[in-house]
Amino acid sequence: MAVGTQTTIFGASEHLKCKLLSGTFKDAALRWYMNLLKNSIENYADFHKKFIHQFSDSKHVK
């Protein structure tokens, strides 16, 4: 994911990586993010894994 690569270069914290990525969300992704339980994300890797799990099956190529 580009955000992970870019924030690693600048030494961003795990929290900042999650905030930067979530700032790009809209529609279904934003609703998913807003409905996450407080403290349900442990770190950026966990955030990334949960996001991919949530949305990987939702894309259909026509």
PDB file of N, CA and C in Angstrom:
ATOM      1  N   MET A   1       0.843  -1.177   0.000  1.00  0.00           N
ATOM      2  CA  MET A   1       0.000   0.000   0.000  1.00  0.00           C
ATOM      3  C   MET A   1       0.888   1.240   0.000  1.00  0.00           C
ATOM      4  N   ALA A   2       0.594   2.188  -0.795  1.00  0.00           N
ATOM      5  CA  ALA A   2       1.429   3.377  -0.950  1.00  0.00           C
ATOM      6  C   ALA A   2       1.578   4.153   0.344  1.00  0.00           C
ATOM      7  N   VAL A   3       0.519   4.262   1.131  1.00  0.00           N
ATOM      8  CA  VAL A   3       0.602   5.023   2.380  1.00  0.00           C
ATOM      9  C   VAL A   3       1.630   4.401   3.302  1.00  0.00           C
ATOM     10  N   GLY A   4       1.651   3.084   3.401  1.00  0.00           N
ATOM     11  CA  GLY A   4       2.620   2.403   4.250  1.00  0.00           C
ATOM     12  C   GLY A   4       4.041   2.698   3.820  1.00  0.00           C
ATOM     13  N   THR A   5       4.282   2.660   2.538  1.00  0.00           N
ATOM     14  CA  THR A   5       5.605   2.935   1.998  1.00  0.00           C
ATOM     15  C   THR A   5       6.015   4.372   2.273  1.00  0.00           C
ATOM     16  N   GLN A   6       5.150   5.308   1.984  1.00  0.00           N
ATOM     17  CA  GLN A   6       5.479   6.721   2.167  1.00  0.00           C
ATOM     18  C   GLN A   6       5.677   7.071   3.631  1.00  0.00           C
ATOM     19  N   THR A   7       4.849   6.554   4.526  1.00  0.00           N
ATOM     20  CA  THR A   7       4.978   6.914   5.935  1.00  0.00           C
ATOM     21  C   THR A   7       6.178   6.240   6.571  1.00  0.00           C
ATOM     22  N   THR A   8       6.602   5.083   6.071  1.00  0.00           N
ATOM     23  CA  THR A   8       7.800   4.436   6.586  1.00  0.00           C
ATOM     24  C   THR A   8       9.018   5.289   6.279  1.00  0.00           C
ATOM     25  N   ILE A   9       9.044   5.857   5.107  1.00  0.00           N
ATOM     26  CA  ILE A   9      10.158   6.712   4.713  1.00  0.00           C
ATOM     27  C   ILE A   9      10.314   7.877   5.683  1.00  0.00           C
ATOM     28  N   PHE A  10       9.217   8.445   6.110  1.00  0.00           N
ATOM     29  CA  PHE A  10       9.262   9.592   7.006  1.00  0.00           C
ATOM     30  C   PHE A  10       9.251   9.189   8.472  1.00  0.00           C
ATOM     31  N   GLY A  11       9.238   7.884   8.780  1.00  0.00           N
ATOM     32  CA  GLY A  11       9.272   7.422  10.153  1.00  0.00           C
ATOM     33  C   GLY A  11       7.994   7.707  10.916  1.00  0.00           C
ATOM     34  N   ALA A  12       6.873   7.689  10.247  1.00  0.00           N
ATOM     35  CA  ALA A  12       5.593   7.978  10.894  1.00  0.00           C
ATOM     36  C   ALA A  12       5.234   6.883  11.890  1.00  0.00           C
ATOM     37  N   SER A  13       4.530   7.289  12.929  1.00  0.00           N
ATOM     38  CA  SER A  13       4.079   6.335  13.938  1.00  0.00           C
ATOM     39  C   SER A  13       2.956   5.467  13.390  1.00  0.00           C
ATOM     40  N   GLU A  14       2.685   4.361  14.068  1.00  0.00           N
ATOM     41  CA  GLU A  14       1.593   3.467  13.683  1.00  0.00           C
ATOM     42  C   GLU A  14       0.267   4.233  13.671  1.00  0.00           C
ATOM     43  N   HIS A  15       0.050   5.042  14.675  1.00  0.00           N
ATOM     44  CA  HIS A  15      -1.190   5.817  14.780  1.00  0.00           C
ATOM     45  C   HIS A  15      -1.336   6.770  13.592  1.00  0.00           C
ATOM     46  N   LEU A  16      -0.258   7.433  13.245  1.00  0.00           N
ATOM     47  CA  LEU A  16      -0.296   8.382  12.133  1.00  0.00           C
ATOM     48  C   LEU A  16      -0.567   7.672  10.806  1.00  0.00           C
ATOM     49  N   LYS A  17       0.020   6.505  10.609  1.00  0.00           N
ATOM     50  CA  LYS A  17      -0.237   5.745   9.383  1.00  0.00           C
ATOM     51  C   LYS A  17      -1.726   5.441   9.243  1.00  0.00           C
ATOM     52  N   CYS A  18      -2.349   5.006  10.335  1.00  0.00           N
ATOM     53  CA  CYS A  18      -3.786   4.696  10.307  1.00  0.00           C
ATOM     54  C   CYS A  18      -4.599   5.948  10.007  1.00  0.00           C
ATOM     55  N   LYS A  19      -4.246   7.054  10.629  1.00  0.00           N
ATOM     56  CA  LYS A  19      -4.970   8.307  10.405  1.00  0.00           C
ATOM     57  C   LYS A  19      -4.823   8.786   8.961  1.00  0.00           C
ATOM     58  N   LEU A  20      -3.620   8.691   8.420  1.00  0.00           N
ATOM     59  CA  LEU A  20      -3.398   9.118   7.037  1.00  0.00           C
ATOM     60  C   LEU A  20      -4.222   8.282   6.069  1.00  0.00           C
ATOM     61  N   LEU A  21      -4.217   6.984   6.267  1.00  0.00           N
ATOM     62  CA  LEU A  21      -4.984   6.111   5.382  1.00  0.00           C
ATOM     63  C   LEU A  21      -6.476   6.363   5.527  1.00  0.00           C
ATOM     64  N   SER A  22      -6.959   6.450   6.753  1.00  0.00           N
ATOM     65  CA  SER A  22      -8.397   6.643   6.969  1.00  0.00           C
ATOM     66  C   SER A  22      -8.872   7.992   6.431  1.00  0.00           C
ATOM     67  N   GLY A  23      -7.983   8.956   6.336  1.00  0.00           N
ATOM     68  CA  GLY A  23      -8.335  10.261   5.789  1.00  0.00           C
ATOM     69  C   GLY A  23      -8.669  10.228   4.308  1.00  0.00           C
ATOM     70  N   THR A  24      -8.352   9.126   3.651  1.00  0.00           N
ATOM     71  CA  THR A  24      -8.659   8.984   2.228  1.00  0.00           C
ATOM     72  C   THR A  24      -9.968   8.241   1.986  1.00  0.00           C
ATOM     73  N   PHE A  25     -10.592   7.748   3.043  1.00  0.00           N
ATOM     74  CA  PHE A  25     -11.802   6.934   2.901  1.00  0.00           C
ATOM     75  C   PHE A  25     -13.032   7.761   2.570  1.00  0.00           C
ATOM     76  N   LYS A  26     -13.943   7.142   1.809  1.00  0.00           N
ATOM     77  CA  LYS A  26     -15.266   7.709   1.584  1.00  0.00           C
ATOM     78  C   LYS A  26     -16.229   6.553   1.347  1.00  0.00           C
ATOM     79  N   ASP A  27     -17.497   6.850   1.358  1.00  0.00           N
ATOM     80  CA  ASP A  27     -18.549   5.865   1.113  1.00  0.00           C
ATOM     81  C   ASP A  27     -18.420   4.660   2.052  1.00  0.00           C
ATOM     82  N   ALA A  28     -18.383   3.448   1.491  1.00  0.00           N
ATOM     83  CA  ALA A  28     -18.397   2.227   2.305  1.00  0.00           C
ATOM     84  C   ALA A  28     -17.189   2.143   3.235  1.00  0.00           C
ATOM     85  N   ALA A  29     -16.027   2.543   2.751  1.00  0.00           N
ATOM     86  CA  ALA A  29     -14.825   2.482   3.584  1.00  0.00           C
ATOM     87  C   ALA A  29     -14.932   3.429   4.774  1.00  0.00           C
ATOM     88  N   LEU A  30     -15.471   4.606   4.561  1.00  0.00           N
ATOM     89  CA  LEU A  30     -15.637   5.563   5.650  1.00  0.00           C
ATOM     90  C   LEU A  30     -16.652   5.054   6.667  1.00  0.00           C
ATOM     91  N   ARG A  31     -17.751   4.488   6.181  1.00  0.00           N
ATOM     92  CA  ARG A  31     -18.748   3.917   7.106  1.00  0.00           C
ATOM     93  C   ARG A  31     -18.134   2.796   7.935  1.00  0.00           C
ATOM     94  N   TRP A  32     -17.359   1.927   7.296  1.00  0.00           N
ATOM     95  CA  TRP A  32     -16.681   0.843   8.007  1.00  0.00           C
ATOM     96  C   TRP A  32     -15.769   1.414   9.093  1.00  0.00           C
ATOM     97  N   TYR A  33     -14.966   2.387   8.723  1.00  0.00           N
ATOM     98  CA  TYR A  33     -14.023   2.996   9.660  1.00  0.00           C
ATOM     99  C   TYR A  33     -14.741   3.656  10.837  1.00  0.00           C
ATOM    100  N   MET A  34     -15.799   4.393  10.553  1.00  0.00           N
ATOM    101  CA  MET A  34     -16.527   5.100  11.613  1.00  0.00           C
ATOM    102  C   MET A  34     -17.228   4.137  12.572  1.00  0.00           C
ATOM    103  N   ASN A  35     -17.503   2.914  12.128  1.00  0.00           N
ATOM    104  CA  ASN A  35     -18.185   1.934  12.968  1.00  0.00           C
ATOM    105  C   ASN A  35     -17.247   0.977  13.695  1.00  0.00           C
ATOM    106  N   LEU A  36     -15.944   1.162  13.538  1.00  0.00           N
ATOM    107  CA  LEU A  36     -15.004   0.329  14.283  1.00  0.00           C
ATOM    108  C   LEU A  36     -15.143   0.619  15.773  1.00  0.00           C
ATOM    109  N   LEU A  37     -15.037  -0.420  16.576  1.00  0.00           N
ATOM    110  CA  LEU A  37     -15.079  -0.230  18.019  1.00  0.00           C
ATOM    111  C   LEU A  37     -13.819   0.493  18.479  1.00  0.00           C
ATOM    112  N   LYS A  38     -13.960   1.318  19.492  1.00  0.00           N
ATOM    113  CA  LYS A  38     -12.818   2.045  20.044  1.00  0.00           C
ATOM    114  C   LYS A  38     -11.762   1.040  20.507  1.00  0.00           C
ATOM    115  N   ASN A  39     -10.519   1.311  20.199  1.00  0.00           N
ATOM    116  CA  ASN A  39      -9.373   0.469  20.557  1.00  0.00           C
ATOM    117  C   ASN A  39      -9.413  -0.917  19.916  1.00  0.00           C
ATOM    118  N   SER A  40     -10.122  -1.067  18.803  1.00  0.00           N
ATOM    119  CA  SER A  40     -10.190  -2.372  18.134  1.00  0.00           C
ATOM    120  C   SER A  40      -9.024  -2.595  17.171  1.00  0.00           C
ATOM    121  N   ILE A  41      -8.245  -1.568  16.928  1.00  0.00           N
ATOM    122  CA  ILE A  41      -7.079  -1.664  16.049  1.00  0.00           C
ATOM    123  C   ILE A  41      -5.824  -1.582  16.911  1.00  0.00           C
ATOM    124  N   GLU A  42      -4.963  -2.609  16.794  1.00  0.00           N
ATOM    125  CA  GLU A  42      -3.754  -2.654  17.616  1.00  0.00           C
ATOM    126  C   GLU A  42      -2.597  -1.872  17.014  1.00  0.00           C
ATOM    127  N   ASN A  43      -2.475  -1.918  15.684  1.00  0.00           N
ATOM    128  CA  ASN A  43      -1.367  -1.250  15.013  1.00  0.00           C
ATOM    129  C   ASN A  43      -1.696  -1.136  13.523  1.00  0.00           C
ATOM    130  N   TYR A  44      -0.783  -0.584  12.750  1.00  0.00           N
ATOM    131  CA  TYR A  44      -1.045  -0.387  11.324  1.00  0.00           C
ATOM    132  C   TYR A  44      -1.242  -1.714  10.598  1.00  0.00           C
ATOM    133  N   ALA A  45      -0.447  -2.715  10.940  1.00  0.00           N
ATOM    134  CA  ALA A  45      -0.584  -4.023  10.287  1.00  0.00           C
ATOM    135  C   ALA A  45      -1.968  -4.609  10.552  1.00  0.00           C
ATOM    136  N   ASP A  46      -2.467  -4.461  11.766  1.00  0.00           N
ATOM    137  CA  ASP A  46      -3.806  -4.937  12.125  1.00  0.00           C
ATOM    138  C   ASP A  46      -4.864  -4.160  11.344  1.00  0.00           C
ATOM    139  N   PHE A  47      -4.701  -2.853  11.260  1.00  0.00           N
ATOM    140  CA  PHE A  47      -5.622  -1.990  10.516  1.00  0.00           C
ATOM    141  C   PHE A  47      -5.669  -2.411   9.047  1.00  0.00           C
ATOM    142  N   HIS A  48      -4.513  -2.592   8.461  1.00  0.00           N
ATOM    143  CA  HIS A  48      -4.397  -2.994   7.063  1.00  0.00           C
ATOM    144  C   HIS A  48      -5.064  -4.349   6.841  1.00  0.00           C
ATOM    145  N   LYS A  49      -4.784  -5.309   7.719  1.00  0.00           N
ATOM    146  CA  LYS A  49      -5.361  -6.652   7.607  1.00  0.00           C
ATOM    147  C   LYS A  49      -6.882  -6.612   7.679  1.00  0.00           C
ATOM    148  N   LYS A  50      -7.431  -5.861   8.633  1.00  0.00           N
ATOM    149  CA  LYS A  50      -8.888  -5.771   8.786  1.00  0.00           C
ATOM    150  C   LYS A  50      -9.527  -5.069   7.588  1.00  0.00           C
ATOM    151  N   PHE A  51      -8.871  -4.050   7.080  1.00  0.00           N
ATOM    152  CA  PHE A  51      -9.393  -3.336   5.916  1.00  0.00           C
ATOM    153  C   PHE A  51      -9.432  -4.258   4.695  1.00  0.00           C
ATOM    154  N   ILE A  52      -8.347  -4.948   4.445  1.00  0.00           N
ATOM    155  CA  ILE A  52      -8.281  -5.863   3.303  1.00  0.00           C
ATOM    156  C   ILE A  52      -9.319  -6.968   3.458  1.00  0.00           C
ATOM    157  N   HIS A  53      -9.442  -7.517   4.646  1.00  0.00           N
ATOM    158  CA  HIS A  53     -10.435  -8.569   4.897  1.00  0.00           C
ATOM    159  C   HIS A  53     -11.844  -8.057   4.617  1.00  0.00           C
ATOM    160  N   GLN A  54     -12.121  -6.842   5.019  1.00  0.00           N
ATOM    161  CA  GLN A  54     -13.456  -6.266   4.834  1.00  0.00           C
ATOM    162  C   GLN A  54     -13.783  -6.030   3.362  1.00  0.00           C
ATOM    163  N   PHE A  55     -12.820  -5.570   2.597  1.00  0.00           N
ATOM    164  CA  PHE A  55     -13.117  -5.106   1.245  1.00  0.00           C
ATOM    165  C   PHE A  55     -12.543  -5.953   0.105  1.00  0.00           C
ATOM    166  N   SER A  56     -11.767  -6.958   0.387  1.00  0.00           N
ATOM    167  CA  SER A  56     -11.161  -7.728  -0.704  1.00  0.00           C
ATOM    168  C   SER A  56     -12.184  -8.489  -1.538  1.00  0.00           C
ATOM    169  N   ASP A  57     -13.282  -8.928  -0.950  1.00  0.00           N
ATOM    170  CA  ASP A  57     -14.303  -9.667  -1.695  1.00  0.00           C
ATOM    171  C   ASP A  57     -15.356  -8.763  -2.314  1.00  0.00           C
ATOM    172  N   SER A  58     -15.300  -7.478  -2.026  1.00  0.00           N
ATOM    173  CA  SER A  58     -16.361  -6.583  -2.491  1.00  0.00           C
ATOM    174  C   SER A  58     -16.118  -6.033  -3.896  1.00  0.00           C
ATOM    175  N   LYS A  59     -14.970  -6.319  -4.470  1.00  0.00           N
ATOM    176  CA  LYS A  59     -14.668  -5.821  -5.813  1.00  0.00           C
ATOM    177  C   LYS A  59     -14.973  -6.904  -6.836  1.00  0.00           C
ATOM    178  N   HIS A  60     -15.773  -6.557  -7.803  1.00  0.00           N
ATOM    179  CA  HIS A  60     -16.127  -7.481  -8.871  1.00  0.00           C
ATOM    180  C   HIS A  60     -15.712  -6.865 -10.200  1.00  0.00           C
ATOM    181  N   VAL A  61     -14.914  -7.592 -10.935  1.00  0.00           N
ATOM    182  CA  VAL A  61     -14.473  -7.121 -12.245  1.00  0.00           C
ATOM    183  C   VAL A  61     -15.526  -7.504 -13.271  1.00  0.00           C
ATOM    184  N   LYS A  62     -15.946  -6.531 -14.074  1.00  0.00           N
ATOM    185  CA  LYS A  62     -16.954  -6.795 -15.109  1.00  0.00           C
ATOM    186  C   LYS A  62     -16.307  -6.823 -16.464  1.00  0.00           C
TER     187      LYS A  62
END
